[in-house]
Amino acid sequence: MSALPRNVPASTDLPDVHWLRSSFSTGANNCVETARPLSGPWVGLLAVRDSKNPAGPAVLFSAPSWGRFLTAL
């Protein structure tokens, strides 16, 4: 079985998602948004996209990978 890709070319291709922006974000669209896909092969992953390009690509993280990323910050 092949592994799922860890990105999608257009975040609009992710079904049933509600994108969330950090409460620290200003109105300038200068941060990232996150969403948890509720259907399809991406269930259980966290999608992250650039708020300046909402139709652009999204990177997908597992919960442990996202946690390690945040810890490293």
N, C-alpha and C. Protein backbone atom coordinates (compact mmCIF):
# COMPACT_ATOMS: atom_id res chain seq x y z
N MET A 1 0.84 -1.17 0.00
CA MET A 1 0.00 0.00 0.00
C MET A 1 0.89 1.23 0.00
N SER A 2 0.54 2.20 -0.83
CA SER A 2 1.35 3.41 -0.90
C SER A 2 0.87 4.44 0.12
N ALA A 3 1.78 5.26 0.57
CA ALA A 3 1.46 6.30 1.55
C ALA A 3 0.73 7.45 0.86
N LEU A 4 -0.13 8.08 1.60
CA LEU A 4 -0.83 9.26 1.06
C LEU A 4 0.15 10.40 0.89
N PRO A 5 -0.08 11.26 -0.10
CA PRO A 5 0.76 12.45 -0.20
C PRO A 5 0.56 13.33 1.03
N ARG A 6 1.58 14.05 1.41
CA ARG A 6 1.52 14.93 2.58
C ARG A 6 1.25 16.37 2.19
N ASN A 7 0.72 16.55 0.99
CA ASN A 7 0.27 17.88 0.57
C ASN A 7 -0.83 17.71 -0.47
N VAL A 8 -1.60 18.75 -0.64
CA VAL A 8 -2.60 18.79 -1.70
C VAL A 8 -2.35 20.07 -2.49
N PRO A 9 -2.42 19.99 -3.82
CA PRO A 9 -2.10 21.14 -4.66
C PRO A 9 -3.03 22.34 -4.43
N ALA A 10 -4.29 22.08 -4.09
CA ALA A 10 -5.24 23.17 -3.84
C ALA A 10 -6.02 22.84 -2.57
N SER A 11 -5.91 23.71 -1.58
CA SER A 11 -6.59 23.44 -0.31
C SER A 11 -8.10 23.38 -0.49
N THR A 12 -8.62 23.94 -1.58
CA THR A 12 -10.05 23.86 -1.85
C THR A 12 -10.47 22.45 -2.24
N ASP A 13 -9.50 21.56 -2.51
CA ASP A 13 -9.80 20.16 -2.82
C ASP A 13 -10.11 19.34 -1.57
N LEU A 14 -9.85 19.90 -0.40
CA LEU A 14 -10.15 19.18 0.84
C LEU A 14 -11.63 19.35 1.17
N PRO A 15 -12.37 18.25 1.23
CA PRO A 15 -13.81 18.37 1.50
C PRO A 15 -14.09 18.56 2.99
N ASP A 16 -15.21 19.17 3.29
CA ASP A 16 -15.71 19.25 4.67
C ASP A 16 -14.70 19.80 5.66
N VAL A 17 -14.06 20.91 5.33
CA VAL A 17 -13.12 21.50 6.28
C VAL A 17 -13.59 22.90 6.67
N HIS A 18 -13.25 23.28 7.87
CA HIS A 18 -13.50 24.63 8.37
C HIS A 18 -12.14 25.18 8.78
N TRP A 19 -11.63 26.14 8.03
CA TRP A 19 -10.31 26.69 8.27
C TRP A 19 -10.33 27.64 9.46
N LEU A 20 -9.35 27.51 10.32
CA LEU A 20 -9.23 28.35 11.51
C LEU A 20 -7.95 29.16 11.43
N ARG A 21 -8.05 30.41 11.83
CA ARG A 21 -6.90 31.30 11.83
C ARG A 21 -6.54 31.62 13.28
N SER A 22 -5.29 31.80 13.53
CA SER A 22 -4.82 32.13 14.87
C SER A 22 -5.50 33.39 15.40
N SER A 23 -5.79 33.38 16.69
CA SER A 23 -6.37 34.58 17.31
C SER A 23 -5.34 35.71 17.37
N PHE A 24 -4.07 35.40 17.15
CA PHE A 24 -3.01 36.41 17.12
C PHE A 24 -2.87 37.06 15.75
N SER A 25 -3.62 36.55 14.77
CA SER A 25 -3.52 37.08 13.41
C SER A 25 -4.13 38.48 13.34
N THR A 26 -3.51 39.29 12.52
CA THR A 26 -4.09 40.61 12.26
C THR A 26 -4.98 40.48 11.02
N GLY A 27 -5.61 41.54 10.64
CA GLY A 27 -6.43 41.51 9.44
C GLY A 27 -5.63 41.51 8.15
N ALA A 28 -4.32 41.45 8.26
CA ALA A 28 -3.45 41.55 7.08
C ALA A 28 -3.22 40.22 6.38
N ASN A 29 -3.87 39.14 6.82
CA ASN A 29 -3.68 37.82 6.20
C ASN A 29 -2.20 37.43 6.18
N ASN A 30 -1.55 37.52 7.32
CA ASN A 30 -0.12 37.23 7.36
C ASN A 30 0.21 36.05 8.28
N CYS A 31 -0.61 35.01 8.21
CA CYS A 31 -0.33 33.84 9.05
C CYS A 31 -0.79 32.58 8.33
N VAL A 32 -0.84 31.51 9.05
CA VAL A 32 -1.32 30.25 8.50
C VAL A 32 -2.70 29.95 9.07
N GLU A 33 -3.42 29.08 8.37
CA GLU A 33 -4.71 28.59 8.82
C GLU A 33 -4.61 27.07 8.92
N THR A 34 -5.37 26.50 9.83
CA THR A 34 -5.37 25.06 9.99
C THR A 34 -6.79 24.53 9.88
N ALA A 35 -6.90 23.26 9.52
CA ALA A 35 -8.20 22.60 9.43
C ALA A 35 -8.00 21.10 9.61
N ARG A 36 -9.03 20.44 10.09
CA ARG A 36 -9.03 18.98 10.20
C ARG A 36 -10.04 18.42 9.21
N PRO A 37 -9.56 17.75 8.15
CA PRO A 37 -10.49 17.14 7.19
C PRO A 37 -11.38 16.12 7.89
N LEU A 38 -12.68 16.15 7.57
CA LEU A 38 -13.64 15.28 8.21
C LEU A 38 -14.04 14.09 7.34
N SER A 39 -13.58 14.07 6.10
CA SER A 39 -13.89 12.95 5.23
C SER A 39 -12.75 12.75 4.25
N GLY A 40 -12.81 11.64 3.55
CA GLY A 40 -11.77 11.33 2.57
C GLY A 40 -10.55 10.71 3.23
N PRO A 41 -9.50 10.51 2.46
CA PRO A 41 -8.31 9.83 2.97
C PRO A 41 -7.49 10.66 3.95
N TRP A 42 -7.85 11.94 4.15
CA TRP A 42 -7.08 12.82 5.01
C TRP A 42 -7.60 12.89 6.44
N VAL A 43 -8.64 12.13 6.76
CA VAL A 43 -9.20 12.13 8.12
C VAL A 43 -8.09 11.78 9.11
N GLY A 44 -8.00 12.54 10.19
CA GLY A 44 -6.97 12.30 11.20
C GLY A 44 -5.72 13.13 11.01
N LEU A 45 -5.63 13.84 9.89
CA LEU A 45 -4.47 14.70 9.64
C LEU A 45 -4.86 16.15 9.86
N LEU A 46 -3.88 16.99 10.02
CA LEU A 46 -4.09 18.43 10.15
C LEU A 46 -3.59 19.09 8.88
N ALA A 47 -4.44 19.88 8.25
CA ALA A 47 -4.07 20.61 7.04
C ALA A 47 -3.66 22.02 7.44
N VAL A 48 -2.61 22.52 6.81
CA VAL A 48 -2.10 23.87 7.08
C VAL A 48 -1.92 24.58 5.73
N ARG A 49 -2.43 25.81 5.66
CA ARG A 49 -2.28 26.59 4.43
C ARG A 49 -1.91 28.03 4.76
N ASP A 50 -1.42 28.74 3.76
CA ASP A 50 -1.05 30.15 3.88
C ASP A 50 -2.31 30.99 3.75
N SER A 51 -2.58 31.84 4.71
CA SER A 51 -3.80 32.65 4.67
C SER A 51 -3.81 33.65 3.52
N LYS A 52 -2.64 33.97 2.97
CA LYS A 52 -2.58 34.88 1.83
C LYS A 52 -3.03 34.21 0.53
N ASN A 53 -3.05 32.88 0.52
CA ASN A 53 -3.40 32.13 -0.69
C ASN A 53 -4.37 31.00 -0.33
N PRO A 54 -5.61 31.33 0.00
CA PRO A 54 -6.53 30.31 0.49
C PRO A 54 -6.88 29.22 -0.51
N ALA A 55 -6.70 29.46 -1.78
CA ALA A 55 -6.95 28.42 -2.78
C ALA A 55 -5.68 27.65 -3.12
N GLY A 56 -4.57 28.03 -2.51
CA GLY A 56 -3.29 27.40 -2.81
C GLY A 56 -3.12 26.07 -2.10
N PRO A 57 -1.91 25.56 -2.10
CA PRO A 57 -1.65 24.24 -1.55
C PRO A 57 -1.79 24.20 -0.02
N ALA A 58 -1.97 23.00 0.47
CA ALA A 58 -2.00 22.76 1.92
C ALA A 58 -1.03 21.62 2.22
N VAL A 59 -0.36 21.73 3.34
CA VAL A 59 0.53 20.67 3.82
C VAL A 59 -0.22 19.91 4.90
N LEU A 60 -0.06 18.58 4.91
CA LEU A 60 -0.78 17.73 5.85
C LEU A 60 0.18 17.14 6.87
N PHE A 61 -0.22 17.21 8.14
CA PHE A 61 0.59 16.71 9.25
C PHE A 61 -0.20 15.69 10.06
N SER A 62 0.47 14.68 10.56
CA SER A 62 -0.14 13.83 11.58
C SER A 62 -0.11 14.60 12.89
N ALA A 63 -0.93 14.21 13.85
CA ALA A 63 -0.95 14.91 15.15
C ALA A 63 0.42 14.90 15.82
N PRO A 64 1.12 13.75 15.87
CA PRO A 64 2.45 13.76 16.50
C PRO A 64 3.45 14.66 15.76
N SER A 65 3.40 14.66 14.44
CA SER A 65 4.32 15.51 13.66
C SER A 65 4.06 16.99 13.92
N TRP A 66 2.78 17.38 13.96
CA TRP A 66 2.45 18.77 14.23
C TRP A 66 2.90 19.17 15.64
N GLY A 67 2.70 18.27 16.59
CA GLY A 67 3.15 18.55 17.96
C GLY A 67 4.65 18.75 18.05
N ARG A 68 5.41 17.91 17.34
CA ARG A 68 6.88 18.06 17.33
C ARG A 68 7.28 19.37 16.67
N PHE A 69 6.58 19.74 15.61
CA PHE A 69 6.86 21.01 14.93
C PHE A 69 6.64 22.18 15.88
N LEU A 70 5.50 22.20 16.57
CA LEU A 70 5.22 23.29 17.50
C LEU A 70 6.20 23.33 18.65
N THR A 71 6.59 22.18 19.14
CA THR A 71 7.58 22.11 20.23
C THR A 71 8.91 22.69 19.77
N ALA A 72 9.28 22.41 18.53
CA ALA A 72 10.55 22.91 18.00
C ALA A 72 10.56 24.42 17.82
N LEU A 73 9.38 24.99 17.64
CA LEU A 73 9.31 26.45 17.50
C LEU A 73 9.67 27.11 18.79
